[in-house]
Amino acid sequence: MKIKINKDFFDFNAKICTELEKAKGLMFTRREKAQTLIFDFPGGAKAKIHSLFVFFPFFAIWLDDKNRVIFIRKIKPFMFSASPGKKFSRLIEIPENEKYKRVIEKILSKNPVDKKV
């Protein structure tokens, strides 16, 4: 699946999550088998995420309704809370593993981590 973020296209082997899958996210998955997850929030959301029971780091990318990056953060295992602090329409969780190494490098080369954009 190709997703346009800002003005660039990124090719993910991504799964668009259902409401039930949003609650589970990357919890209890193995690092090398984990895939990128996409969470859609029609109408926007201001929710926080956590990484309890996620045993590897991942990158969270919050996007607005036009797929522009609002905030990128590296989420470490067992963090209690992370949020961009403002409304967002889509969240992408990219596991830090060999499968997504190049995609992460490309995204990070064009977007600052832990800074609001």
PDB file of N, CA and C in Angstrom:
ATOM      1  N   MET A   1       0.835  -1.171   0.000  1.00  0.00           N
ATOM      2  CA  MET A   1       0.000   0.000   0.000  1.00  0.00           C
ATOM      3  C   MET A   1       0.884   1.240   0.000  1.00  0.00           C
ATOM      4  N   LYS A   2       0.629   2.146  -0.902  1.00  0.00           N
ATOM      5  CA  LYS A   2       1.377   3.394  -0.958  1.00  0.00           C
ATOM      6  C   LYS A   2       0.572   4.474  -0.251  1.00  0.00           C
ATOM      7  N   ILE A   3       1.288   5.244   0.560  1.00  0.00           N
ATOM      8  CA  ILE A   3       0.652   6.341   1.289  1.00  0.00           C
ATOM      9  C   ILE A   3       1.439   7.603   1.009  1.00  0.00           C
ATOM     10  N   LYS A   4       0.718   8.662   0.729  1.00  0.00           N
ATOM     11  CA  LYS A   4       1.358   9.950   0.522  1.00  0.00           C
ATOM     12  C   LYS A   4       1.453  10.645   1.869  1.00  0.00           C
ATOM     13  N   ILE A   5       2.675  10.949   2.281  1.00  0.00           N
ATOM     14  CA  ILE A   5       2.920  11.695   3.509  1.00  0.00           C
ATOM     15  C   ILE A   5       3.629  12.964   3.090  1.00  0.00           C
ATOM     16  N   ASN A   6       3.025  14.083   3.439  1.00  0.00           N
ATOM     17  CA  ASN A   6       3.473  15.375   2.940  1.00  0.00           C
ATOM     18  C   ASN A   6       3.454  15.286   1.416  1.00  0.00           C
ATOM     19  N   LYS A   7       4.596  15.348   0.747  1.00  0.00           N
ATOM     20  CA  LYS A   7       4.584  15.269  -0.718  1.00  0.00           C
ATOM     21  C   LYS A   7       5.239  14.006  -1.242  1.00  0.00           C
ATOM     22  N   ASP A   8       5.635  13.112  -0.350  1.00  0.00           N
ATOM     23  CA  ASP A   8       6.333  11.895  -0.750  1.00  0.00           C
ATOM     24  C   ASP A   8       5.437  10.672  -0.607  1.00  0.00           C
ATOM     25  N   PHE A   9       5.662   9.691  -1.477  1.00  0.00           N
ATOM     26  CA  PHE A   9       4.936   8.438  -1.385  1.00  0.00           C
ATOM     27  C   PHE A   9       5.817   7.395  -0.722  1.00  0.00           C
ATOM     28  N   PHE A  10       5.217   6.627   0.204  1.00  0.00           N
ATOM     29  CA  PHE A  10       5.911   5.567   0.915  1.00  0.00           C
ATOM     30  C   PHE A  10       5.151   4.270   0.709  1.00  0.00           C
ATOM     31  N   ASP A  11       5.901   3.229   0.428  1.00  0.00           N
ATOM     32  CA  ASP A  11       5.299   1.926   0.178  1.00  0.00           C
ATOM     33  C   ASP A  11       5.400   1.077   1.439  1.00  0.00           C
ATOM     34  N   PHE A  12       4.271   0.805   2.054  1.00  0.00           N
ATOM     35  CA  PHE A  12       4.204   0.005   3.268  1.00  0.00           C
ATOM     36  C   PHE A  12       3.515  -1.314   2.977  1.00  0.00           C
ATOM     37  N   ASN A  13       3.926  -2.325   3.689  1.00  0.00           N
ATOM     38  CA  ASN A  13       3.140  -3.544   3.756  1.00  0.00           C
ATOM     39  C   ASN A  13       2.263  -3.331   4.985  1.00  0.00           C
ATOM     40  N   ALA A  14       1.252  -2.498   4.845  1.00  0.00           N
ATOM     41  CA  ALA A  14       0.500  -2.009   5.996  1.00  0.00           C
ATOM     42  C   ALA A  14      -0.870  -2.655   6.103  1.00  0.00           C
ATOM     43  N   LYS A  15      -1.344  -2.666   7.329  1.00  0.00           N
ATOM     44  CA  LYS A  15      -2.675  -3.185   7.622  1.00  0.00           C
ATOM     45  C   LYS A  15      -3.515  -2.034   8.145  1.00  0.00           C
ATOM     46  N   ILE A  16      -4.659  -1.803   7.515  1.00  0.00           N
ATOM     47  CA  ILE A  16      -5.597  -0.796   8.007  1.00  0.00           C
ATOM     48  C   ILE A  16      -6.433  -1.467   9.083  1.00  0.00           C
ATOM     49  N   CYS A  17      -6.395  -0.925  10.263  1.00  0.00           N
ATOM     50  CA  CYS A  17      -6.983  -1.584  11.435  1.00  0.00           C
ATOM     51  C   CYS A  17      -8.462  -1.269  11.618  1.00  0.00           C
ATOM     52  N   THR A  18      -9.184  -2.285  12.084  1.00  0.00           N
ATOM     53  CA  THR A  18     -10.581  -2.125  12.468  1.00  0.00           C
ATOM     54  C   THR A  18     -10.618  -1.502  13.862  1.00  0.00           C
ATOM     55  N   GLU A  19     -11.801  -1.213  14.343  1.00  0.00           N
ATOM     56  CA  GLU A  19     -11.935  -0.630  15.682  1.00  0.00           C
ATOM     57  C   GLU A  19     -11.350  -1.552  16.748  1.00  0.00           C
ATOM     58  N   LEU A  20     -11.596  -2.844  16.640  1.00  0.00           N
ATOM     59  CA  LEU A  20     -11.066  -3.800  17.617  1.00  0.00           C
ATOM     60  C   LEU A  20      -9.539  -3.885  17.536  1.00  0.00           C
ATOM     61  N   GLU A  21      -9.014  -3.862  16.320  1.00  0.00           N
ATOM     62  CA  GLU A  21      -7.562  -3.929  16.130  1.00  0.00           C
ATOM     63  C   GLU A  21      -6.860  -2.664  16.621  1.00  0.00           C
ATOM     64  N   LYS A  22      -7.573  -1.541  16.639  1.00  0.00           N
ATOM     65  CA  LYS A  22      -6.997  -0.300  17.176  1.00  0.00           C
ATOM     66  C   LYS A  22      -6.627  -0.477  18.642  1.00  0.00           C
ATOM     67  N   ALA A  23      -7.437  -1.205  19.375  1.00  0.00           N
ATOM     68  CA  ALA A  23      -7.179  -1.406  20.807  1.00  0.00           C
ATOM     69  C   ALA A  23      -5.941  -2.270  21.036  1.00  0.00           C
ATOM     70  N   LYS A  24      -5.700  -3.234  20.163  1.00  0.00           N
ATOM     71  CA  LYS A  24      -4.563  -4.137  20.332  1.00  0.00           C
ATOM     72  C   LYS A  24      -3.276  -3.542  19.774  1.00  0.00           C
ATOM     73  N   GLY A  25      -3.352  -2.917  18.629  1.00  0.00           N
ATOM     74  CA  GLY A  25      -2.160  -2.334  18.017  1.00  0.00           C
ATOM     75  C   GLY A  25      -1.045  -3.355  17.855  1.00  0.00           C
ATOM     76  N   LEU A  26       0.148  -3.013  18.286  1.00  0.00           N
ATOM     77  CA  LEU A  26       1.315  -3.894  18.163  1.00  0.00           C
ATOM     78  C   LEU A  26       1.551  -4.762  19.404  1.00  0.00           C
ATOM     79  N   MET A  27       0.655  -4.689  20.364  1.00  0.00           N
ATOM     80  CA  MET A  27       0.842  -5.468  21.591  1.00  0.00           C
ATOM     81  C   MET A  27       0.937  -6.961  21.288  1.00  0.00           C
ATOM     82  N   PHE A  28       1.841  -7.620  21.979  1.00  0.00           N
ATOM     83  CA  PHE A  28       2.026  -9.073  21.928  1.00  0.00           C
ATOM     84  C   PHE A  28       2.474  -9.599  20.566  1.00  0.00           C
ATOM     85  N   THR A  29       3.017  -8.736  19.700  1.00  0.00           N
ATOM     86  CA  THR A  29       3.545  -9.216  18.422  1.00  0.00           C
ATOM     87  C   THR A  29       5.067  -9.289  18.516  1.00  0.00           C
ATOM     88  N   ARG A  30       5.642 -10.111  17.674  1.00  0.00           N
ATOM     89  CA  ARG A  30       7.095 -10.227  17.631  1.00  0.00           C
ATOM     90  C   ARG A  30       7.652  -9.194  16.669  1.00  0.00           C
ATOM     91  N   ARG A  31       8.816  -8.686  17.008  1.00  0.00           N
ATOM     92  CA  ARG A  31       9.421  -7.598  16.236  1.00  0.00           C
ATOM     93  C   ARG A  31       9.497  -7.908  14.746  1.00  0.00           C
ATOM     94  N   GLU A  32      10.089  -9.018  14.367  1.00  0.00           N
ATOM     95  CA  GLU A  32      10.309  -9.297  12.949  1.00  0.00           C
ATOM     96  C   GLU A  32       9.036  -9.696  12.204  1.00  0.00           C
ATOM     97  N   LYS A  33       8.000 -10.081  12.913  1.00  0.00           N
ATOM     98  CA  LYS A  33       6.736 -10.425  12.256  1.00  0.00           C
ATOM     99  C   LYS A  33       5.750  -9.260  12.248  1.00  0.00           C
ATOM    100  N   ALA A  34       6.064  -8.222  12.995  1.00  0.00           N
ATOM    101  CA  ALA A  34       5.161  -7.071  13.096  1.00  0.00           C
ATOM    102  C   ALA A  34       5.092  -6.338  11.765  1.00  0.00           C
ATOM    103  N   GLN A  35       3.913  -5.851  11.449  1.00  0.00           N
ATOM    104  CA  GLN A  35       3.755  -5.072  10.236  1.00  0.00           C
ATOM    105  C   GLN A  35       3.271  -3.673  10.588  1.00  0.00           C
ATOM    106  N   THR A  36       3.412  -2.778   9.644  1.00  0.00           N
ATOM    107  CA  THR A  36       2.961  -1.414   9.839  1.00  0.00           C
ATOM    108  C   THR A  36       1.448  -1.400   9.980  1.00  0.00           C
ATOM    109  N   LEU A  37       0.977  -0.645  10.956  1.00  0.00           N
ATOM    110  CA  LEU A  37      -0.459  -0.522  11.198  1.00  0.00           C
ATOM    111  C   LEU A  37      -0.898   0.901  10.904  1.00  0.00           C
ATOM    112  N   ILE A  38      -2.078   1.012  10.304  1.00  0.00           N
ATOM    113  CA  ILE A  38      -2.659   2.316  10.006  1.00  0.00           C
ATOM    114  C   ILE A  38      -3.996   2.411  10.720  1.00  0.00           C
ATOM    115  N   PHE A  39      -4.147   3.477  11.487  1.00  0.00           N
ATOM    116  CA  PHE A  39      -5.375   3.720  12.222  1.00  0.00           C
ATOM    117  C   PHE A  39      -6.025   4.974  11.649  1.00  0.00           C
ATOM    118  N   ASP A  40      -7.241   4.846  11.157  1.00  0.00           N
ATOM    119  CA  ASP A  40      -7.976   5.993  10.635  1.00  0.00           C
ATOM    120  C   ASP A  40      -8.948   6.485  11.698  1.00  0.00           C
ATOM    121  N   PHE A  41      -9.037   7.801  11.827  1.00  0.00           N
ATOM    122  CA  PHE A  41      -9.947   8.438  12.765  1.00  0.00           C
ATOM    123  C   PHE A  41     -10.772   9.472  12.004  1.00  0.00           C
ATOM    124  N   PRO A  42     -11.852   9.019  11.335  1.00  0.00           N
ATOM    125  CA  PRO A  42     -12.683   9.966  10.585  1.00  0.00           C
ATOM    126  C   PRO A  42     -13.213  11.056  11.518  1.00  0.00           C
ATOM    127  N   GLY A  43     -13.085  12.276  11.093  1.00  0.00           N
ATOM    128  CA  GLY A  43     -13.525  13.381  11.926  1.00  0.00           C
ATOM    129  C   GLY A  43     -12.469  13.848  12.914  1.00  0.00           C
ATOM    130  N   GLY A  44     -11.379  13.113  13.006  1.00  0.00           N
ATOM    131  CA  GLY A  44     -10.276  13.507  13.872  1.00  0.00           C
ATOM    132  C   GLY A  44     -10.373  12.934  15.277  1.00  0.00           C
ATOM    133  N   ALA A  45      -9.249  12.944  15.967  1.00  0.00           N
ATOM    134  CA  ALA A  45      -9.163  12.436  17.337  1.00  0.00           C
ATOM    135  C   ALA A  45      -8.052  13.170  18.061  1.00  0.00           C
ATOM    136  N   LYS A  46      -8.081  13.079  19.374  1.00  0.00           N
ATOM    137  CA  LYS A  46      -7.021  13.651  20.201  1.00  0.00           C
ATOM    138  C   LYS A  46      -6.562  12.593  21.194  1.00  0.00           C
ATOM    139  N   ALA A  47      -6.622  11.345  20.806  1.00  0.00           N
ATOM    140  CA  ALA A  47      -6.318  10.211  21.690  1.00  0.00           C
ATOM    141  C   ALA A  47      -4.825  10.087  21.954  1.00  0.00           C
ATOM    142  N   LYS A  48      -4.510   9.410  23.063  1.00  0.00           N
ATOM    143  CA  LYS A  48      -3.136   9.083  23.407  1.00  0.00           C
ATOM    144  C   LYS A  48      -2.918   7.602  23.125  1.00  0.00           C
ATOM    145  N   ILE A  49      -1.667   7.240  22.838  1.00  0.00           N
ATOM    146  CA  ILE A  49      -1.331   5.836  22.660  1.00  0.00           C
ATOM    147  C   ILE A  49      -0.365   5.420  23.765  1.00  0.00           C
ATOM    148  N   HIS A  50      -0.192   4.116  23.912  1.00  0.00           N
ATOM    149  CA  HIS A  50       0.776   3.577  24.867  1.00  0.00           C
ATOM    150  C   HIS A  50       1.479   2.402  24.206  1.00  0.00           C
ATOM    151  N   SER A  51       2.549   1.933  24.826  1.00  0.00           N
ATOM    152  CA  SER A  51       3.259   0.769  24.286  1.00  0.00           C
ATOM    153  C   SER A  51       3.406  -0.321  25.351  1.00  0.00           C
ATOM    154  N   LEU A  52       2.434  -0.406  26.235  1.00  0.00           N
ATOM    155  CA  LEU A  52       2.441  -1.487  27.210  1.00  0.00           C
ATOM    156  C   LEU A  52       2.306  -2.809  26.458  1.00  0.00           C
ATOM    157  N   PHE A  53       3.094  -3.763  26.800  1.00  0.00           N
ATOM    158  CA  PHE A  53       3.114  -5.088  26.175  1.00  0.00           C
ATOM    159  C   PHE A  53       3.574  -5.066  24.715  1.00  0.00           C
ATOM    160  N   VAL A  54       4.276  -4.015  24.339  1.00  0.00           N
ATOM    161  CA  VAL A  54       4.975  -3.982  23.052  1.00  0.00           C
ATOM    162  C   VAL A  54       6.457  -4.081  23.424  1.00  0.00           C
ATOM    163  N   PHE A  55       7.112  -5.128  22.969  1.00  0.00           N
ATOM    164  CA  PHE A  55       8.457  -5.447  23.444  1.00  0.00           C
ATOM    165  C   PHE A  55       9.576  -4.939  22.541  1.00  0.00           C
ATOM    166  N   PHE A  56       9.274  -4.025  21.653  1.00  0.00           N
ATOM    167  CA  PHE A  56      10.260  -3.456  20.736  1.00  0.00           C
ATOM    168  C   PHE A  56       9.856  -2.011  20.436  1.00  0.00           C
ATOM    169  N   PRO A  57      10.805  -1.170  20.041  1.00  0.00           N
ATOM    170  CA  PRO A  57      10.461   0.213  19.693  1.00  0.00           C
ATOM    171  C   PRO A  57       9.752   0.282  18.337  1.00  0.00           C
ATOM    172  N   PHE A  58       8.967   1.322  18.186  1.00  0.00           N
ATOM    173  CA  PHE A  58       8.322   1.586  16.897  1.00  0.00           C
ATOM    174  C   PHE A  58       8.187   3.089  16.730  1.00  0.00           C
ATOM    175  N   PHE A  59       7.946   3.504  15.503  1.00  0.00           N
ATOM    176  CA  PHE A  59       7.745   4.914  15.209  1.00  0.00           C
ATOM    177  C   PHE A  59       6.256   5.167  15.019  1.00  0.00           C
ATOM    178  N   ALA A  60       5.777   6.199  15.682  1.00  0.00           N
ATOM    179  CA  ALA A  60       4.391   6.634  15.528  1.00  0.00           C
ATOM    180  C   ALA A  60       4.409   7.924  14.714  1.00  0.00           C
ATOM    181  N   ILE A  61       3.600   7.947  13.671  1.00  0.00           N
ATOM    182  CA  ILE A  61       3.504   9.127  12.812  1.00  0.00           C
ATOM    183  C   ILE A  61       2.046   9.560  12.812  1.00  0.00           C
ATOM    184  N   TRP A  62       1.798  10.750  13.337  1.00  0.00           N
ATOM    185  CA  TRP A  62       0.452  11.288  13.363  1.00  0.00           C
ATOM    186  C   TRP A  62       0.276  12.213  12.164  1.00  0.00           C
ATOM    187  N   LEU A  63      -0.841  12.069  11.455  1.00  0.00           N
ATOM    188  CA  LEU A  63      -1.108  12.853  10.247  1.00  0.00           C
ATOM    189  C   LEU A  63      -2.407  13.629  10.386  1.00  0.00           C
ATOM    190  N   ASP A  64      -2.484  14.753   9.694  1.00  0.00           N
ATOM    191  CA  ASP A  64      -3.736  15.503   9.679  1.00  0.00           C
ATOM    192  C   ASP A  64      -4.643  14.960   8.576  1.00  0.00           C
ATOM    193  N   ASP A  65      -5.749  15.639   8.325  1.00  0.00           N
ATOM    194  CA  ASP A  65      -6.717  15.150   7.343  1.00  0.00           C
ATOM    195  C   ASP A  65      -6.220  15.210   5.904  1.00  0.00           C
ATOM    196  N   LYS A  66      -5.081  15.878   5.665  1.00  0.00           N
ATOM    197  CA  LYS A  66      -4.491  15.931   4.324  1.00  0.00           C
ATOM    198  C   LYS A  66      -3.211  15.112   4.243  1.00  0.00           C
ATOM    199  N   ASN A  67      -3.041  14.190   5.205  1.00  0.00           N
ATOM    200  CA  ASN A  67      -1.863  13.309   5.295  1.00  0.00           C
ATOM    201  C   ASN A  67      -0.554  14.075   5.446  1.00  0.00           C
ATOM    202  N   ARG A  68      -0.616  15.221   6.082  1.00  0.00           N
ATOM    203  CA  ARG A  68       0.589  15.968   6.414  1.00  0.00           C
ATOM    204  C   ARG A  68       1.035  15.543   7.806  1.00  0.00           C
ATOM    205  N   VAL A  69       2.323  15.392   7.987  1.00  0.00           N
ATOM    206  CA  VAL A  69       2.865  14.970   9.279  1.00  0.00           C
ATOM    207  C   VAL A  69       2.642  16.061  10.319  1.00  0.00           C
ATOM    208  N   ILE A  70       2.040  15.666  11.425  1.00  0.00           N
ATOM    209  CA  ILE A  70       1.860  16.563  12.565  1.00  0.00           C
ATOM    210  C   ILE A  70       2.987  16.338  13.566  1.00  0.00           C
ATOM    211  N   PHE A  71       3.311  15.053  13.795  1.00  0.00           N
ATOM    212  CA  PHE A  71       4.272  14.706  14.841  1.00  0.00           C
ATOM    213  C   PHE A  71       4.792  13.300  14.581  1.00  0.00           C
ATOM    214  N   ILE A  72       6.082  13.104  14.798  1.00  0.00           N
ATOM    215  CA  ILE A  72       6.701  11.774  14.717  1.00  0.00           C
ATOM    216  C   ILE A  72       7.420  11.541  16.029  1.00  0.00           C
ATOM    217  N   ARG A  73       7.241  10.351  16.555  1.00  0.00           N
ATOM    218  CA  ARG A  73       7.925  10.027  17.808  1.00  0.00           C
ATOM    219  C   ARG A  73       8.341   8.569  17.798  1.00  0.00           C
ATOM    220  N   LYS A  74       9.538   8.314  18.291  1.00  0.00           N
ATOM    221  CA  LYS A  74       9.982   6.943  18.496  1.00  0.00           C
ATOM    222  C   LYS A  74       9.409   6.503  19.841  1.00  0.00           C
ATOM    223  N   ILE A  75       8.626   5.457  19.800  1.00  0.00           N
ATOM    224  CA  ILE A  75       7.960   4.951  20.997  1.00  0.00           C
ATOM    225  C   ILE A  75       8.756   3.760  21.514  1.00  0.00           C
ATOM    226  N   LYS A  76       9.206   3.868  22.748  1.00  0.00           N
ATOM    227  CA  LYS A  76       9.965   2.789  23.359  1.00  0.00           C
ATOM    228  C   LYS A  76       9.011   1.811  24.046  1.00  0.00           C
ATOM    229  N   PRO A  77       9.475   0.577  24.282  1.00  0.00           N
ATOM    230  CA  PRO A  77       8.610  -0.399  24.956  1.00  0.00           C
ATOM    231  C   PRO A  77       8.133   0.102  26.321  1.00  0.00           C
ATOM    232  N   PHE A  78       6.901  -0.202  26.618  1.00  0.00           N
ATOM    233  CA  PHE A  78       6.260   0.064  27.905  1.00  0.00           C
ATOM    234  C   PHE A  78       6.156   1.542  28.280  1.00  0.00           C
ATOM    235  N   MET A  79       5.986   2.404  27.284  1.00  0.00           N
ATOM    236  CA  MET A  79       5.695   3.819  27.559  1.00  0.00           C
ATOM    237  C   MET A  79       4.214   3.935  27.920  1.00  0.00           C
ATOM    238  N   PHE A  80       3.909   4.782  28.874  1.00  0.00           N
ATOM    239  CA  PHE A  80       2.531   4.913  29.327  1.00  0.00           C
ATOM    240  C   PHE A  80       1.679   5.819  28.452  1.00  0.00           C
ATOM    241  N   SER A  81       2.308   6.793  27.790  1.00  0.00           N
ATOM    242  CA  SER A  81       1.496   7.737  27.037  1.00  0.00           C
ATOM    243  C   SER A  81       2.323   8.481  25.999  1.00  0.00           C
ATOM    244  N   ALA A  82       1.725   8.669  24.840  1.00  0.00           N
ATOM    245  CA  ALA A  82       2.325   9.484  23.782  1.00  0.00           C
ATOM    246  C   ALA A  82       1.198  10.107  22.977  1.00  0.00           C
ATOM    247  N   SER A  83       1.395  11.338  22.581  1.00  0.00           N
ATOM    248  CA  SER A  83       0.353  12.056  21.853  1.00  0.00           C
ATOM    249  C   SER A  83       0.973  13.254  21.143  1.00  0.00           C
ATOM    250  N   PRO A  84       0.387  13.669  20.016  1.00  0.00           N
ATOM    251  CA  PRO A  84       0.892  14.880  19.371  1.00  0.00           C
ATOM    252  C   PRO A  84       0.399  16.150  20.059  1.00  0.00           C
ATOM    253  N   GLY A  85      -0.583  16.015  20.932  1.00  0.00           N
ATOM    254  CA  GLY A  85      -1.099  17.187  21.636  1.00  0.00           C
ATOM    255  C   GLY A  85      -2.134  17.977  20.857  1.00  0.00           C
ATOM    256  N   LYS A  86      -2.459  17.517  19.671  1.00  0.00           N
ATOM    257  CA  LYS A  86      -3.521  18.169  18.906  1.00  0.00           C
ATOM    258  C   LYS A  86      -4.261  17.124  18.089  1.00  0.00           C
ATOM    259  N   LYS A  87      -5.321  17.562  17.458  1.00  0.00           N
ATOM    260  CA  LYS A  87      -6.194  16.664  16.710  1.00  0.00           C
ATOM    261  C   LYS A  87      -5.479  16.072  15.495  1.00  0.00           C
ATOM    262  N   PHE A  88      -5.735  14.793  15.232  1.00  0.00           N
ATOM    263  CA  PHE A  88      -5.146  14.115  14.081  1.00  0.00           C
ATOM    264  C   PHE A  88      -6.198  13.218  13.440  1.00  0.00           C
ATOM    265  N   SER A  89      -5.959  12.842  12.179  1.00  0.00           N
ATOM    266  CA  SER A  89      -6.912  12.013  11.444  1.00  0.00           C
ATOM    267  C   SER A  89      -6.408  10.607  11.172  1.00  0.00           C
ATOM    268  N   ARG A  90      -5.108  10.412  11.251  1.00  0.00           N
ATOM    269  CA  ARG A  90      -4.531   9.106  10.947  1.00  0.00           C
ATOM    270  C   ARG A  90      -3.275   8.907  11.780  1.00  0.00           C
ATOM    271  N   LEU A  91      -3.066   7.676  12.193  1.00  0.00           N
ATOM    272  CA  LEU A  91      -1.861   7.307  12.934  1.00  0.00           C
ATOM    273  C   LEU A  91      -1.250   6.100  12.238  1.00  0.00           C
ATOM    274  N   ILE A  92       0.048   6.173  12.015  1.00  0.00           N
ATOM    275  CA  ILE A  92       0.778   5.052  11.427  1.00  0.00           C
ATOM    276  C   ILE A  92       1.802   4.584  12.452  1.00  0.00           C
ATOM    277  N   GLU A  93       1.789   3.295  12.750  1.00  0.00           N
ATOM    278  CA  GLU A  93       2.776   2.701  13.650  1.00  0.00           C
ATOM    279  C   GLU A  93       3.689   1.813  12.816  1.00  0.00           C
ATOM    280  N   ILE A  94       4.969   2.152  12.789  1.00  0.00           N
ATOM    281  CA  ILE A  94       5.943   1.408  11.992  1.00  0.00           C
ATOM    282  C   ILE A  94       6.912   0.711  12.937  1.00  0.00           C
ATOM    283  N   PRO A  95       6.909  -0.622  12.965  1.00  0.00           N
ATOM    284  CA  PRO A  95       7.846  -1.341  13.835  1.00  0.00           C
ATOM    285  C   PRO A  95       9.284  -1.079  13.417  1.00  0.00           C
ATOM    286  N   GLU A  96      10.155  -0.959  14.389  1.00  0.00           N
ATOM    287  CA  GLU A  96      11.569  -0.795  14.079  1.00  0.00           C
ATOM    288  C   GLU A  96      12.151  -2.198  13.891  1.00  0.00           C
ATOM    289  N   ASN A  97      12.165  -2.638  12.635  1.00  0.00           N
ATOM    290  CA  ASN A  97      12.728  -3.945  12.287  1.00  0.00           C
ATOM    291  C   ASN A  97      13.372  -3.857  10.904  1.00  0.00           C
ATOM    292  N   GLU A  98      14.015  -4.922  10.492  1.00  0.00           N
ATOM    293  CA  GLU A  98      14.725  -4.942   9.202  1.00  0.00           C
ATOM    294  C   GLU A  98      13.797  -4.675   8.022  1.00  0.00           C
ATOM    295  N   LYS A  99      12.582  -5.156   8.107  1.00  0.00           N
ATOM    296  CA  LYS A  99      11.611  -5.038   7.017  1.00  0.00           C
ATOM    297  C   LYS A  99      11.322  -3.571   6.658  1.00  0.00           C
ATOM    298  N   TYR A 100      11.297  -2.704   7.668  1.00  0.00           N
ATOM    299  CA  TYR A 100      10.920  -1.310   7.444  1.00  0.00           C
ATOM    300  C   TYR A 100      12.077  -0.325   7.614  1.00  0.00           C
ATOM    301  N   LYS A 101      13.282  -0.839   7.697  1.00  0.00           N
ATOM    302  CA  LYS A 101      14.449   0.010   7.947  1.00  0.00           C
ATOM    303  C   LYS A 101      14.579   1.136   6.918  1.00  0.00           C
ATOM    304  N   ARG A 102      14.475   0.816   5.648  1.00  0.00           N
ATOM    305  CA  ARG A 102      14.639   1.837   4.591  1.00  0.00           C
ATOM    306  C   ARG A 102      13.503   2.856   4.592  1.00  0.00           C
ATOM    307  N   VAL A 103      12.294   2.393   4.833  1.00  0.00           N
ATOM    308  CA  VAL A 103      11.154   3.307   4.876  1.00  0.00           C
ATOM    309  C   VAL A 103      11.322   4.290   6.031  1.00  0.00           C
ATOM    310  N   ILE A 104      11.707   3.781   7.200  1.00  0.00           N
ATOM    311  CA  ILE A 104      11.919   4.643   8.368  1.00  0.00           C
ATOM    312  C   ILE A 104      13.010   5.671   8.077  1.00  0.00           C
ATOM    313  N   GLU A 105      14.115   5.218   7.499  1.00  0.00           N
ATOM    314  CA  GLU A 105      15.208   6.148   7.178  1.00  0.00           C
ATOM    315  C   GLU A 105      14.738   7.253   6.236  1.00  0.00           C
ATOM    316  N   LYS A 106      13.955   6.897   5.240  1.00  0.00           N
ATOM    317  CA  LYS A 106      13.468   7.886   4.275  1.00  0.00           C
ATOM    318  C   LYS A 106      12.524   8.889   4.947  1.00  0.00           C
ATOM    319  N   ILE A 107      11.628   8.401   5.780  1.00  0.00           N
ATOM    320  CA  ILE A 107      10.700   9.301   6.471  1.00  0.00           C
ATOM    321  C   ILE A 107      11.462  10.230   7.408  1.00  0.00           C
ATOM    322  N   LEU A 108      12.394   9.669   8.171  1.00  0.00           N
ATOM    323  CA  LEU A 108      13.132  10.472   9.144  1.00  0.00           C
ATOM    324  C   LEU A 108      14.066  11.478   8.485  1.00  0.00           C
ATOM    325  N   SER A 109      14.526  11.179   7.278  1.00  0.00           N
ATOM    326  CA  SER A 109      15.411  12.124   6.591  1.00  0.00           C
ATOM    327  C   SER A 109      14.676  13.407   6.207  1.00  0.00           C
ATOM    328  N   LYS A 110      13.348  13.333   6.110  1.00  0.00           N
ATOM    329  CA  LYS A 110      12.567  14.493   5.691  1.00  0.00           C
ATOM    330  C   LYS A 110      11.706  15.087   6.798  1.00  0.00           C
ATOM    331  N   ASN A 111      11.634  14.399   7.949  1.00  0.00           N
ATOM    332  CA  ASN A 111      10.774  14.855   9.035  1.00  0.00           C
ATOM    333  C   ASN A 111      11.509  14.721  10.359  1.00  0.00           C
ATOM    334  N   PRO A 112      11.464  15.740  11.192  1.00  0.00           N
ATOM    335  CA  PRO A 112      12.129  15.657  12.503  1.00  0.00           C
ATOM    336  C   PRO A 112      11.379  14.729  13.457  1.00  0.00           C
ATOM    337  N   VAL A 113      12.123  14.034  14.290  1.00  0.00           N
ATOM    338  CA  VAL A 113      11.517  13.154  15.292  1.00  0.00           C
ATOM    339  C   VAL A 113      11.318  13.936  16.581  1.00  0.00           C
ATOM    340  N   ASP A 114      10.226  13.661  17.268  1.00  0.00           N
ATOM    341  CA  ASP A 114       9.892  14.299  18.542  1.00  0.00           C
ATOM    342  C   ASP A 114       9.760  15.807  18.452  1.00  0.00           C
ATOM    343  N   LYS A 115       9.389  16.299  17.290  1.00  0.00           N
ATOM    344  CA  LYS A 115       9.134  17.726  17.138  1.00  0.00           C
ATOM    345  C   LYS A 115       7.804  17.883  16.416  1.00  0.00           C
ATOM    346  N   LYS A 116       7.043  18.834  16.881  1.00  0.00           N
ATOM    347  CA  LYS A 116       5.783  19.118  16.197  1.00  0.00           C
ATOM    348  C   LYS A 116       6.098  19.847  14.904  1.00  0.00           C
ATOM    349  N   VAL A 117       5.454  19.419  13.850  1.00  0.00           N
ATOM    350  CA  VAL A 117       5.727  19.978  12.526  1.00  0.00           C
ATOM    351  C   VAL A 117       4.683  21.018  12.178  1.00  0.00           C
TER     352      VAL A 117
END
